[in-house]
C-alpha cells in the first residue's frame, strides 16, 4: 500500500469522525449544540495541526524521533509565564488584561526562548541524544519548580485560576483567542511552507545538509521560531498536552513510511485529528467526562515514550 493511499484512508477516517462528532445525537436543539461543538472541534483541529507539524519539524532538525518541543520545556515555559502574571499582578488584573495581549506576550517570550535553545543545542556539534534529553528535562523541571514555588505563595482563589490552565481540556476552550489563533496558525504555516523543501535534506544531518547547499543556521533559526509559535498557540487554546506530539509523529513515521516531509507532516496532522476527535468522543460517550482527553493521551504517550527509550538503548 502506497503512502498516498494511506493518507487517503486517514483523510476518510478523519472526515467520518468529524461528521459523527458534529451531528451525533444533535436532536432538535441543533442551533445551540452545533455552534458549541463546532467551536470545540475547531480548537481540536488547530491544536492537533500545530502540535503535529511542530513535532515532526522539531524531530527532523534535531535528527531524532524522541525529542519534542514539550519535552524540552516549551509547555512548562508557558505555564511559568501564566503563573508569574497571576503571581505578580493578581487574577483580577489578569482578567481585565486583554487575552489577545496575553497570548501575544506568551508567543513573544517563547520565541526568545527558542533563540536561546538554538544557541544551546545547535552551536555544538554531535550532541548525544541523551544529553539533549537531559537538557530538556532540566529546563522543564526548572520552569515547573519556579511555577510551583509561586503557586504555593498564591491566594487559594488565585491558585484556582492557575489550576484551570495546568491541565489541557477541550471543554473549556479559550474562545477569545480562537480567531487570532486561527489567523496566527495560518500565517505561520504560510511562512513555514517555503522551508519545507529543506526538511528532506535536514533529516540527513547537519554536515550533509551544509554540503548539499542548505544555509543551515538560517533555516534552523526560522524553523525554531515557527515551532515556538505553534506550541504557544496549541497550549494557549487548551493547555499543555505533553506526549501528543511524540505519539502522532512516531505513528506517522511508522504508518506512512516515507522520507518526504510534505506527506509525513500531512499524515501526522491527520493522525492527530483522529486521536483528538476520536478520543474526545470516548471521553464524552464512554467515560461521561469522568476524565479528560489529556490524561488518556499523556498516559498512552508516556508508555510509548518509555518504549522508544528502551528501543533506542538496545540500538546503542
C-alpha atoms as a PDB file:
ATOM      1  CA  UNK A   1       0.000   0.000   0.000  1.00  0.00           C
ATOM      2  CA  UNK A   2       1.500   3.336  -1.064  1.00  0.00           C
ATOM      3  CA  UNK A   3       1.748   6.342   1.213  1.00  0.00           C
ATOM      4  CA  UNK A   4      -0.767   8.269  -0.884  1.00  0.00           C
ATOM      5  CA  UNK A   5      -3.333   5.522  -0.355  1.00  0.00           C
ATOM      6  CA  UNK A   6      -2.597   5.539   3.368  1.00  0.00           C
ATOM      7  CA  UNK A   7      -3.100   9.307   3.510  1.00  0.00           C
ATOM      8  CA  UNK A   8      -6.429   8.899   1.701  1.00  0.00           C
ATOM      9  CA  UNK A   9      -7.530   6.353   4.317  1.00  0.00           C
ATOM     10  CA  UNK A  10      -6.537   8.714   7.150  1.00  0.00           C
ATOM     11  CA  UNK A  11      -8.438  11.546   5.462  1.00  0.00           C
ATOM     12  CA  UNK A  12     -11.613   9.456   5.142  1.00  0.00           C
ATOM     13  CA  UNK A  13     -11.411   8.365   8.796  1.00  0.00           C
ATOM     14  CA  UNK A  14     -10.883  11.974   9.900  1.00  0.00           C
ATOM     15  CA  UNK A  15     -13.876  13.231   7.920  1.00  0.00           C
ATOM     16  CA  UNK A  16     -16.115  10.442   9.276  1.00  0.00           C
ATOM     17  CA  UNK A  17     -15.106  11.145  12.881  1.00  0.00           C
ATOM     18  CA  UNK A  18     -15.615  14.883  12.426  1.00  0.00           C
ATOM     19  CA  UNK A  19     -19.076  14.262  10.985  1.00  0.00           C
ATOM     20  CA  UNK A  20     -20.035  11.936  13.838  1.00  0.00           C
ATOM     21  CA  UNK A  21     -18.699  14.391  16.435  1.00  0.00           C
ATOM     22  CA  UNK A  22     -20.689  17.290  14.982  1.00  0.00           C
ATOM     23  CA  UNK A  23     -24.030  15.625  14.239  1.00  0.00           C
ATOM     24  CA  UNK A  24     -24.358  12.622  16.580  1.00  0.00           C
ATOM     25  CA  UNK A  25     -27.460  12.912  18.808  1.00  0.00           C
ATOM     26  CA  UNK A  26     -27.891  16.555  17.837  1.00  0.00           C
ATOM     27  CA  UNK A  27     -31.683  16.412  18.119  1.00  0.00           C
ATOM     28  CA  UNK A  28     -33.872  19.459  17.704  1.00  0.00           C
ATOM     29  CA  UNK A  29     -31.525  21.782  19.599  1.00  0.00           C
ATOM     30  CA  UNK A  30     -29.034  21.892  16.754  1.00  0.00           C
ATOM     31  CA  UNK A  31     -28.949  25.723  16.743  1.00  0.00           C
ATOM     32  CA  UNK A  32     -27.497  25.605  20.274  1.00  0.00           C
ATOM     33  CA  UNK A  33     -25.467  22.387  20.157  1.00  0.00           C
ATOM     34  CA  UNK A  34     -23.878  22.716  16.708  1.00  0.00           C
ATOM     35  CA  UNK A  35     -22.044  26.046  17.329  1.00  0.00           C
ATOM     36  CA  UNK A  36     -20.652  24.759  20.630  1.00  0.00           C
ATOM     37  CA  UNK A  37     -19.459  21.531  19.040  1.00  0.00           C
ATOM     38  CA  UNK A  38     -18.028  23.437  16.077  1.00  0.00           C
ATOM     39  CA  UNK A  39     -16.048  25.708  18.411  1.00  0.00           C
ATOM     40  CA  UNK A  40     -14.685  22.714  20.302  1.00  0.00           C
ATOM     41  CA  UNK A  41     -13.882  20.943  17.032  1.00  0.00           C
ATOM     42  CA  UNK A  42     -12.041  23.957  15.624  1.00  0.00           C
ATOM     43  CA  UNK A  43      -9.917  24.135  18.772  1.00  0.00           C
ATOM     44  CA  UNK A  44      -9.073  20.434  18.455  1.00  0.00           C
ATOM     45  CA  UNK A  45      -8.138  20.770  14.780  1.00  0.00           C
ATOM     46  CA  UNK A  46      -5.957  23.814  15.421  1.00  0.00           C
ATOM     47  CA  UNK A  47      -4.275  22.154  18.384  1.00  0.00           C
ATOM     48  CA  UNK A  48      -3.734  18.871  16.555  1.00  0.00           C
ATOM     49  CA  UNK A  49      -2.311  20.542  13.461  1.00  0.00           C
ATOM     50  CA  UNK A  50       0.019  22.802  15.450  1.00  0.00           C
ATOM     51  CA  UNK A  51       1.366  20.011  17.662  1.00  0.00           C
ATOM     52  CA  UNK A  52       1.799  17.523  14.811  1.00  0.00           C
ATOM     53  CA  UNK A  53       3.534  19.998  12.497  1.00  0.00           C
ATOM     54  CA  UNK A  54       5.862  21.376  15.176  1.00  0.00           C
ATOM     55  CA  UNK A  55       6.830  17.937  16.475  1.00  0.00           C
ATOM     56  CA  UNK A  56       7.681  16.439  13.073  1.00  0.00           C
ATOM     57  CA  UNK A  57       9.755  19.502  12.174  1.00  0.00           C
ATOM     58  CA  UNK A  58      11.482  19.544  15.575  1.00  0.00           C
ATOM     59  CA  UNK A  59      12.370  15.865  15.338  1.00  0.00           C
ATOM     60  CA  UNK A  60      13.817  16.457  11.883  1.00  0.00           C
ATOM     61  CA  UNK A  61      16.045  19.382  12.845  1.00  0.00           C
ATOM     62  CA  UNK A  62      17.261  17.591  15.990  1.00  0.00           C
ATOM     63  CA  UNK A  63      17.701  14.436  13.891  1.00  0.00           C
ATOM     64  CA  UNK A  64      15.953  12.055  16.285  1.00  0.00           C
ATOM     65  CA  UNK A  65      12.434  10.819  16.955  1.00  0.00           C
ATOM     66  CA  UNK A  66      12.322  11.067  20.741  1.00  0.00           C
ATOM     67  CA  UNK A  67      12.640  14.783  21.418  1.00  0.00           C
ATOM     68  CA  UNK A  68       9.566  17.003  21.218  1.00  0.00           C
ATOM     69  CA  UNK A  69       9.078  20.706  21.974  1.00  0.00           C
ATOM     70  CA  UNK A  70       7.052  19.708  25.053  1.00  0.00           C
ATOM     71  CA  UNK A  71       9.817  17.556  26.482  1.00  0.00           C
ATOM     72  CA  UNK A  72      12.285  20.420  26.023  1.00  0.00           C
ATOM     73  CA  UNK A  73      10.233  22.661  28.276  1.00  0.00           C
ATOM     74  CA  UNK A  74       8.190  24.915  25.983  1.00  0.00           C
ATOM     75  CA  UNK A  75       4.924  23.878  27.649  1.00  0.00           C
ATOM     76  CA  UNK A  76       6.490  24.401  31.071  1.00  0.00           C
ATOM     77  CA  UNK A  77       7.637  27.856  29.986  1.00  0.00           C
ATOM     78  CA  UNK A  78       4.091  28.772  29.024  1.00  0.00           C
ATOM     79  CA  UNK A  79       2.800  27.700  32.437  1.00  0.00           C
ATOM     80  CA  UNK A  80       5.602  29.669  34.107  1.00  0.00           C
ATOM     81  CA  UNK A  81       4.551  32.780  32.189  1.00  0.00           C
ATOM     82  CA  UNK A  82       0.892  32.395  33.199  1.00  0.00           C
ATOM     83  CA  UNK A  83       1.777  31.676  36.836  1.00  0.00           C
ATOM     84  CA  UNK A  84       4.103  34.676  37.015  1.00  0.00           C
ATOM     85  CA  UNK A  85       1.459  37.012  35.585  1.00  0.00           C
ATOM     86  CA  UNK A  86      -1.056  35.933  38.225  1.00  0.00           C
ATOM     87  CA  UNK A  87       1.611  35.981  40.962  1.00  0.00           C
ATOM     88  CA  UNK A  88       2.805  39.482  40.032  1.00  0.00           C
ATOM     89  CA  UNK A  89      -0.434  41.215  39.042  1.00  0.00           C
ATOM     90  CA  UNK A  90      -3.217  39.113  40.557  1.00  0.00           C
ATOM     91  CA  UNK A  91      -6.032  37.205  38.931  1.00  0.00           C
ATOM     92  CA  UNK A  92      -8.389  40.169  38.825  1.00  0.00           C
ATOM     93  CA  UNK A  93      -5.937  42.321  36.925  1.00  0.00           C
ATOM     94  CA  UNK A  94      -5.158  39.415  34.600  1.00  0.00           C
ATOM     95  CA  UNK A  95      -8.858  39.006  33.899  1.00  0.00           C
ATOM     96  CA  UNK A  96      -9.054  42.655  32.893  1.00  0.00           C
ATOM     97  CA  UNK A  97      -5.990  42.220  30.688  1.00  0.00           C
ATOM     98  CA  UNK A  98      -6.922  41.578  27.082  1.00  0.00           C
ATOM     99  CA  UNK A  99      -6.442  37.867  26.420  1.00  0.00           C
ATOM    100  CA  UNK A 100      -5.118  38.630  22.968  1.00  0.00           C
ATOM    101  CA  UNK A 101      -2.355  40.681  24.595  1.00  0.00           C
ATOM    102  CA  UNK A 102      -1.662  37.805  26.967  1.00  0.00           C
ATOM    103  CA  UNK A 103      -1.452  35.438  24.025  1.00  0.00           C
ATOM    104  CA  UNK A 104       0.929  37.660  22.042  1.00  0.00           C
ATOM    105  CA  UNK A 105       3.114  38.205  25.126  1.00  0.00           C
ATOM    106  CA  UNK A 106       3.417  34.454  25.636  1.00  0.00           C
ATOM    107  CA  UNK A 107       4.296  33.933  21.974  1.00  0.00           C
ATOM    108  CA  UNK A 108       6.992  36.617  22.126  1.00  0.00           C
ATOM    109  CA  UNK A 109       8.654  35.167  25.221  1.00  0.00           C
ATOM    110  CA  UNK A 110       8.594  31.649  23.764  1.00  0.00           C
ATOM    111  CA  UNK A 111      10.232  32.914  20.573  1.00  0.00           C
ATOM    112  CA  UNK A 112      13.038  34.441  22.667  1.00  0.00           C
ATOM    113  CA  UNK A 113      13.415  31.133  24.476  1.00  0.00           C
ATOM    114  CA  UNK A 114      13.587  29.324  21.126  1.00  0.00           C
ATOM    115  CA  UNK A 115      16.527  31.532  20.178  1.00  0.00           C
ATOM    116  CA  UNK A 116      18.346  30.626  23.385  1.00  0.00           C
ATOM    117  CA  UNK A 117      17.514  26.977  22.776  1.00  0.00           C
ATOM    118  CA  UNK A 118      19.101  27.226  19.341  1.00  0.00           C
ATOM    119  CA  UNK A 119      22.375  28.504  20.769  1.00  0.00           C
ATOM    120  CA  UNK A 120      22.394  25.760  23.384  1.00  0.00           C
ATOM    121  CA  UNK A 121      21.560  22.789  21.162  1.00  0.00           C
ATOM    122  CA  UNK A 122      22.888  23.633  17.722  1.00  0.00           C
ATOM    123  CA  UNK A 123      26.074  25.585  18.225  1.00  0.00           C
ATOM    124  CA  UNK A 124      27.844  22.437  19.397  1.00  0.00           C
ATOM    125  CA  UNK A 125      28.424  19.540  17.082  1.00  0.00           C
ATOM    126  CA  UNK A 126      27.465  15.885  17.517  1.00  0.00           C
ATOM    127  CA  UNK A 127      25.346  16.220  20.639  1.00  0.00           C
ATOM    128  CA  UNK A 128      24.365  12.896  22.173  1.00  0.00           C
ATOM    129  CA  UNK A 129      20.627  12.221  22.246  1.00  0.00           C
ATOM    130  CA  UNK A 130      20.731  11.574  25.987  1.00  0.00           C
ATOM    131  CA  UNK A 131      22.464  14.912  26.544  1.00  0.00           C
ATOM    132  CA  UNK A 132      19.654  16.643  24.652  1.00  0.00           C
ATOM    133  CA  UNK A 133      17.059  14.791  26.727  1.00  0.00           C
ATOM    134  CA  UNK A 134      18.883  15.730  29.930  1.00  0.00           C
ATOM    135  CA  UNK A 135      18.981  19.411  28.952  1.00  0.00           C
ATOM    136  CA  UNK A 136      15.288  19.338  28.099  1.00  0.00           C
ATOM    137  CA  UNK A 137      14.305  17.644  31.338  1.00  0.00           C
ATOM    138  CA  UNK A 138      16.430  20.046  33.393  1.00  0.00           C
ATOM    139  CA  UNK A 139      14.902  23.082  31.682  1.00  0.00           C
ATOM    140  CA  UNK A 140      11.374  21.708  32.056  1.00  0.00           C
ATOM    141  CA  UNK A 141      11.969  20.821  35.720  1.00  0.00           C
ATOM    142  CA  UNK A 142      13.402  24.278  36.410  1.00  0.00           C
ATOM    143  CA  UNK A 143      10.366  26.008  34.915  1.00  0.00           C
ATOM    144  CA  UNK A 144       7.967  23.679  36.742  1.00  0.00           C
ATOM    145  CA  UNK A 145       9.780  24.235  40.055  1.00  0.00           C
ATOM    146  CA  UNK A 146       9.622  28.005  39.648  1.00  0.00           C
ATOM    147  CA  UNK A 147       5.924  27.751  38.810  1.00  0.00           C
ATOM    148  CA  UNK A 148       5.256  25.539  41.832  1.00  0.00           C
ATOM    149  CA  UNK A 149       7.127  27.916  44.151  1.00  0.00           C
ATOM    150  CA  UNK A 150       4.960  30.844  43.064  1.00  0.00           C
ATOM    151  CA  UNK A 151       1.792  28.729  43.182  1.00  0.00           C
ATOM    152  CA  UNK A 152       2.443  27.835  46.826  1.00  0.00           C
ATOM    153  CA  UNK A 153       2.536  31.533  47.692  1.00  0.00           C
ATOM    154  CA  UNK A 154      -0.670  32.352  45.834  1.00  0.00           C
ATOM    155  CA  UNK A 155      -4.020  33.019  47.430  1.00  0.00           C
ATOM    156  CA  UNK A 156      -6.237  29.882  47.101  1.00  0.00           C
ATOM    157  CA  UNK A 157      -8.683  31.703  44.847  1.00  0.00           C
ATOM    158  CA  UNK A 158      -5.889  32.845  42.549  1.00  0.00           C
ATOM    159  CA  UNK A 159      -4.418  29.337  42.568  1.00  0.00           C
ATOM    160  CA  UNK A 160      -7.693  28.043  41.139  1.00  0.00           C
ATOM    161  CA  UNK A 161      -7.165  30.347  38.146  1.00  0.00           C
ATOM    162  CA  UNK A 162      -3.705  28.849  37.620  1.00  0.00           C
ATOM    163  CA  UNK A 163      -5.024  25.330  38.111  1.00  0.00           C
ATOM    164  CA  UNK A 164      -7.532  25.804  35.291  1.00  0.00           C
ATOM    165  CA  UNK A 165      -4.591  26.370  32.949  1.00  0.00           C
ATOM    166  CA  UNK A 166      -2.447  23.487  34.191  1.00  0.00           C
ATOM    167  CA  UNK A 167      -4.473  20.724  32.557  1.00  0.00           C
ATOM    168  CA  UNK A 168      -5.491  20.546  28.934  1.00  0.00           C
ATOM    169  CA  UNK A 169      -9.226  20.488  28.418  1.00  0.00           C
ATOM    170  CA  UNK A 170     -11.296  20.840  25.273  1.00  0.00           C
ATOM    171  CA  UNK A 171     -14.369  21.530  27.363  1.00  0.00           C
ATOM    172  CA  UNK A 172     -13.046  24.947  28.408  1.00  0.00           C
ATOM    173  CA  UNK A 173     -11.636  26.308  25.167  1.00  0.00           C
ATOM    174  CA  UNK A 174     -10.361  29.858  25.312  1.00  0.00           C
ATOM    175  CA  UNK A 175     -12.722  31.122  22.612  1.00  0.00           C
ATOM    176  CA  UNK A 176     -11.492  34.714  22.981  1.00  0.00           C
ATOM    177  CA  UNK A 177      -8.260  33.845  21.199  1.00  0.00           C
ATOM    178  CA  UNK A 178      -9.723  31.270  18.795  1.00  0.00           C
ATOM    179  CA  UNK A 179      -9.839  33.741  15.901  1.00  0.00           C
ATOM    180  CA  UNK A 180      -6.373  35.156  16.478  1.00  0.00           C
ATOM    181  CA  UNK A 181      -5.055  31.601  16.923  1.00  0.00           C
ATOM    182  CA  UNK A 182      -6.580  30.594  13.584  1.00  0.00           C
ATOM    183  CA  UNK A 183      -5.115  33.632  11.823  1.00  0.00           C
ATOM    184  CA  UNK A 184      -1.759  33.138  13.539  1.00  0.00           C
ATOM    185  CA  UNK A 185      -1.579  29.467  12.639  1.00  0.00           C
ATOM    186  CA  UNK A 186      -2.478  30.115   9.005  1.00  0.00           C
ATOM    187  CA  UNK A 187       0.071  32.934   8.766  1.00  0.00           C
ATOM    188  CA  UNK A 188       2.924  30.995  10.324  1.00  0.00           C
ATOM    189  CA  UNK A 189       2.051  27.936   8.218  1.00  0.00           C
ATOM    190  CA  UNK A 190       2.341  30.003   5.037  1.00  0.00           C
ATOM    191  CA  UNK A 191       5.668  31.350   6.277  1.00  0.00           C
ATOM    192  CA  UNK A 192       6.916  27.850   7.134  1.00  0.00           C
ATOM    193  CA  UNK A 193       5.814  26.417   3.795  1.00  0.00           C
ATOM    194  CA  UNK A 194       8.838  27.820   1.956  1.00  0.00           C
ATOM    195  CA  UNK A 195      11.166  25.976   4.357  1.00  0.00           C
ATOM    196  CA  UNK A 196       9.507  22.560   3.951  1.00  0.00           C
ATOM    197  CA  UNK A 197      11.656  21.805   0.907  1.00  0.00           C
ATOM    198  CA  UNK A 198      14.718  21.794   3.170  1.00  0.00           C
ATOM    199  CA  UNK A 199      13.375  19.235   5.658  1.00  0.00           C
ATOM    200  CA  UNK A 200      14.114  16.194   3.492  1.00  0.00           C
ATOM    201  CA  UNK A 201      17.755  17.288   3.351  1.00  0.00           C
ATOM    202  CA  UNK A 202      17.929  18.335   7.025  1.00  0.00           C
ATOM    203  CA  UNK A 203      16.892  14.811   8.010  1.00  0.00           C
ATOM    204  CA  UNK A 204      20.264  13.628   6.660  1.00  0.00           C
ATOM    205  CA  UNK A 205      22.110  15.593   9.341  1.00  0.00           C
ATOM    206  CA  UNK A 206      23.915  18.907   9.730  1.00  0.00           C
ATOM    207  CA  UNK A 207      27.037  18.096   7.732  1.00  0.00           C
ATOM    208  CA  UNK A 208      25.186  16.542   4.808  1.00  0.00           C
ATOM    209  CA  UNK A 209      22.703  19.428   4.671  1.00  0.00           C
ATOM    210  CA  UNK A 210      25.510  22.006   4.573  1.00  0.00           C
ATOM    211  CA  UNK A 211      27.364  20.027   1.906  1.00  0.00           C
ATOM    212  CA  UNK A 212      24.208  19.993  -0.210  1.00  0.00           C
ATOM    213  CA  UNK A 213      23.964  23.780  -0.084  1.00  0.00           C
ATOM    214  CA  UNK A 214      21.455  24.410   2.720  1.00  0.00           C
ATOM    215  CA  UNK A 215      22.024  27.580   4.773  1.00  0.00           C
ATOM    216  CA  UNK A 216      21.734  25.538   7.947  1.00  0.00           C
ATOM    217  CA  UNK A 217      21.825  28.280  10.586  1.00  0.00           C
ATOM    218  CA  UNK A 218      19.358  30.479   8.704  1.00  0.00           C
ATOM    219  CA  UNK A 219      16.818  27.678   8.167  1.00  0.00           C
ATOM    220  CA  UNK A 220      17.078  26.226  11.692  1.00  0.00           C
ATOM    221  CA  UNK A 221      16.581  29.581  13.407  1.00  0.00           C
ATOM    222  CA  UNK A 222      13.417  30.301  11.475  1.00  0.00           C
ATOM    223  CA  UNK A 223      12.003  26.811  11.933  1.00  0.00           C
ATOM    224  CA  UNK A 224      12.538  27.122  15.692  1.00  0.00           C
ATOM    225  CA  UNK A 225      10.559  30.359  15.682  1.00  0.00           C
ATOM    226  CA  UNK A 226       7.767  28.561  13.788  1.00  0.00           C
ATOM    227  CA  UNK A 227       7.822  25.722  16.332  1.00  0.00           C
ATOM    228  CA  UNK A 228       7.703  28.107  19.301  1.00  0.00           C
ATOM    229  CA  UNK A 229       4.706  29.985  17.874  1.00  0.00           C
ATOM    230  CA  UNK A 230       2.814  26.780  17.059  1.00  0.00           C
ATOM    231  CA  UNK A 231       3.407  25.304  20.510  1.00  0.00           C
ATOM    232  CA  UNK A 232       2.264  28.530  22.148  1.00  0.00           C
ATOM    233  CA  UNK A 233      -0.907  28.543  20.007  1.00  0.00           C
ATOM    234  CA  UNK A 234      -1.841  24.982  20.978  1.00  0.00           C
ATOM    235  CA  UNK A 235      -1.022  25.500  24.657  1.00  0.00           C
ATOM    236  CA  UNK A 236      -2.876  28.802  24.902  1.00  0.00           C
ATOM    237  CA  UNK A 237      -6.012  27.227  23.429  1.00  0.00           C
ATOM    238  CA  UNK A 238      -6.421  24.119  25.562  1.00  0.00           C
ATOM    239  CA  UNK A 239      -3.403  23.782  27.855  1.00  0.00           C
ATOM    240  CA  UNK A 240      -0.337  21.514  27.710  1.00  0.00           C
ATOM    241  CA  UNK A 241      -0.568  18.022  26.176  1.00  0.00           C
ATOM    242  CA  UNK A 242       2.943  16.708  26.702  1.00  0.00           C
ATOM    243  CA  UNK A 243       3.038  13.461  24.750  1.00  0.00           C
ATOM    244  CA  UNK A 244       0.577  14.040  21.909  1.00  0.00           C
ATOM    245  CA  UNK A 245       3.275  15.221  19.505  1.00  0.00           C
ATOM    246  CA  UNK A 246       5.562  12.310  20.315  1.00  0.00           C
ATOM    247  CA  UNK A 247       2.738   9.863  19.736  1.00  0.00           C
ATOM    248  CA  UNK A 248       1.347  11.174  16.443  1.00  0.00           C
ATOM    249  CA  UNK A 249       4.762  11.927  14.892  1.00  0.00           C
ATOM    250  CA  UNK A 250       6.130   8.444  15.520  1.00  0.00           C
ATOM    251  CA  UNK A 251       2.904   6.744  14.449  1.00  0.00           C
ATOM    252  CA  UNK A 252       3.057   8.798  11.240  1.00  0.00           C
ATOM    253  CA  UNK A 253       6.626   7.656  10.600  1.00  0.00           C
ATOM    254  CA  UNK A 254       5.661   4.016  11.113  1.00  0.00           C
ATOM    255  CA  UNK A 255       2.405   4.182   9.143  1.00  0.00           C
ATOM    256  CA  UNK A 256       3.171   6.500   6.220  1.00  0.00           C
ATOM    257  CA  UNK A 257       6.772   5.267   5.796  1.00  0.00           C
ATOM    258  CA  UNK A 258       8.190   7.983   3.588  1.00  0.00           C
ATOM    259  CA  UNK A 259      11.058  10.425   3.908  1.00  0.00           C
ATOM    260  CA  UNK A 260       9.131  13.141   2.040  1.00  0.00           C
ATOM    261  CA  UNK A 261       8.042  15.591   4.709  1.00  0.00           C
ATOM    262  CA  UNK A 262       5.117  17.045   2.756  1.00  0.00           C
ATOM    263  CA  UNK A 263       3.345  13.687   3.103  1.00  0.00           C
ATOM    264  CA  UNK A 264       4.797  12.871   6.517  1.00  0.00           C
ATOM    265  CA  UNK A 265       3.550  16.113   8.077  1.00  0.00           C
ATOM    266  CA  UNK A 266       0.127  15.668   6.483  1.00  0.00           C
ATOM    267  CA  UNK A 267      -0.047  12.131   7.858  1.00  0.00           C
ATOM    268  CA  UNK A 268       0.883  13.314  11.369  1.00  0.00           C
ATOM    269  CA  UNK A 269      -1.777  16.048  11.245  1.00  0.00           C
ATOM    270  CA  UNK A 270      -4.473  13.574  10.147  1.00  0.00           C
ATOM    271  CA  UNK A 271      -3.470  11.093  12.858  1.00  0.00           C
ATOM    272  CA  UNK A 272      -3.628  13.937  15.368  1.00  0.00           C
ATOM    273  CA  UNK A 273      -7.159  14.791  14.195  1.00  0.00           C
ATOM    274  CA  UNK A 274      -8.203  11.158  14.601  1.00  0.00           C
ATOM    275  CA  UNK A 275      -6.642  10.902  18.061  1.00  0.00           C
ATOM    276  CA  UNK A 276      -8.175  14.113  19.390  1.00  0.00           C
ATOM    277  CA  UNK A 277     -11.658  13.887  17.850  1.00  0.00           C
ATOM    278  CA  UNK A 278     -11.982  10.143  18.470  1.00  0.00           C
ATOM    279  CA  UNK A 279     -10.529  10.457  21.963  1.00  0.00           C
ATOM    280  CA  UNK A 280     -12.850  13.318  22.874  1.00  0.00           C
ATOM    281  CA  UNK A 281     -15.870  11.269  21.798  1.00  0.00           C
ATOM    282  CA  UNK A 282     -14.672   8.412  24.011  1.00  0.00           C
ATOM    283  CA  UNK A 283     -14.271  10.819  26.940  1.00  0.00           C
ATOM    284  CA  UNK A 284     -17.793  12.184  26.419  1.00  0.00           C
ATOM    285  CA  UNK A 285     -19.657   8.989  25.480  1.00  0.00           C
ATOM    286  CA  UNK A 286     -17.808   6.235  27.361  1.00  0.00           C
ATOM    287  CA  UNK A 287     -16.246   7.925  30.396  1.00  0.00           C
ATOM    288  CA  UNK A 288     -19.007  10.588  30.626  1.00  0.00           C
ATOM    289  CA  UNK A 289     -16.492  13.341  31.419  1.00  0.00           C
ATOM    290  CA  UNK A 290     -15.066  11.440  34.410  1.00  0.00           C
ATOM    291  CA  UNK A 291     -11.606  12.034  32.948  1.00  0.00           C
ATOM    292  CA  UNK A 292     -10.024  14.352  30.394  1.00  0.00           C
ATOM    293  CA  UNK A 293      -8.563  13.626  26.989  1.00  0.00           C
ATOM    294  CA  UNK A 294      -5.127  14.907  28.025  1.00  0.00           C
ATOM    295  CA  UNK A 295      -4.901  12.288  30.797  1.00  0.00           C
ATOM    296  CA  UNK A 296      -5.548   9.468  28.321  1.00  0.00           C
ATOM    297  CA  UNK A 297      -3.188  10.901  25.680  1.00  0.00           C
ATOM    298  CA  UNK A 298      -0.392  11.520  28.187  1.00  0.00           C
ATOM    299  CA  UNK A 299      -0.757   8.018  29.647  1.00  0.00           C
ATOM    300  CA  UNK A 300      -0.559   6.311  26.235  1.00  0.00           C
ATOM    301  CA  UNK A 301       2.148   8.701  25.056  1.00  0.00           C
ATOM    302  CA  UNK A 302       4.182   8.222  28.234  1.00  0.00           C
ATOM    303  CA  UNK A 303       4.141   4.451  27.839  1.00  0.00           C
ATOM    304  CA  UNK A 304       5.139   4.828  24.198  1.00  0.00           C
ATOM    305  CA  UNK A 305       7.943   7.225  25.198  1.00  0.00           C
ATOM    306  CA  UNK A 306       9.375   4.613  27.589  1.00  0.00           C
ATOM    307  CA  UNK A 307       9.161   2.043  24.791  1.00  0.00           C
ATOM    308  CA  UNK A 308      11.109   4.344  22.462  1.00  0.00           C
ATOM    309  CA  UNK A 309      13.791   4.906  25.104  1.00  0.00           C
ATOM    310  CA  UNK A 310      14.199   1.170  25.658  1.00  0.00           C
ATOM    311  CA  UNK A 311      14.287   0.587  21.909  1.00  0.00           C
ATOM    312  CA  UNK A 312      16.936   3.298  21.494  1.00  0.00           C
ATOM    313  CA  UNK A 313      19.066   1.884  24.337  1.00  0.00           C
ATOM    314  CA  UNK A 314      19.153  -1.510  22.611  1.00  0.00           C
ATOM    315  CA  UNK A 315      20.342   0.160  19.422  1.00  0.00           C
ATOM    316  CA  UNK A 316      23.276   1.625  21.306  1.00  0.00           C
END
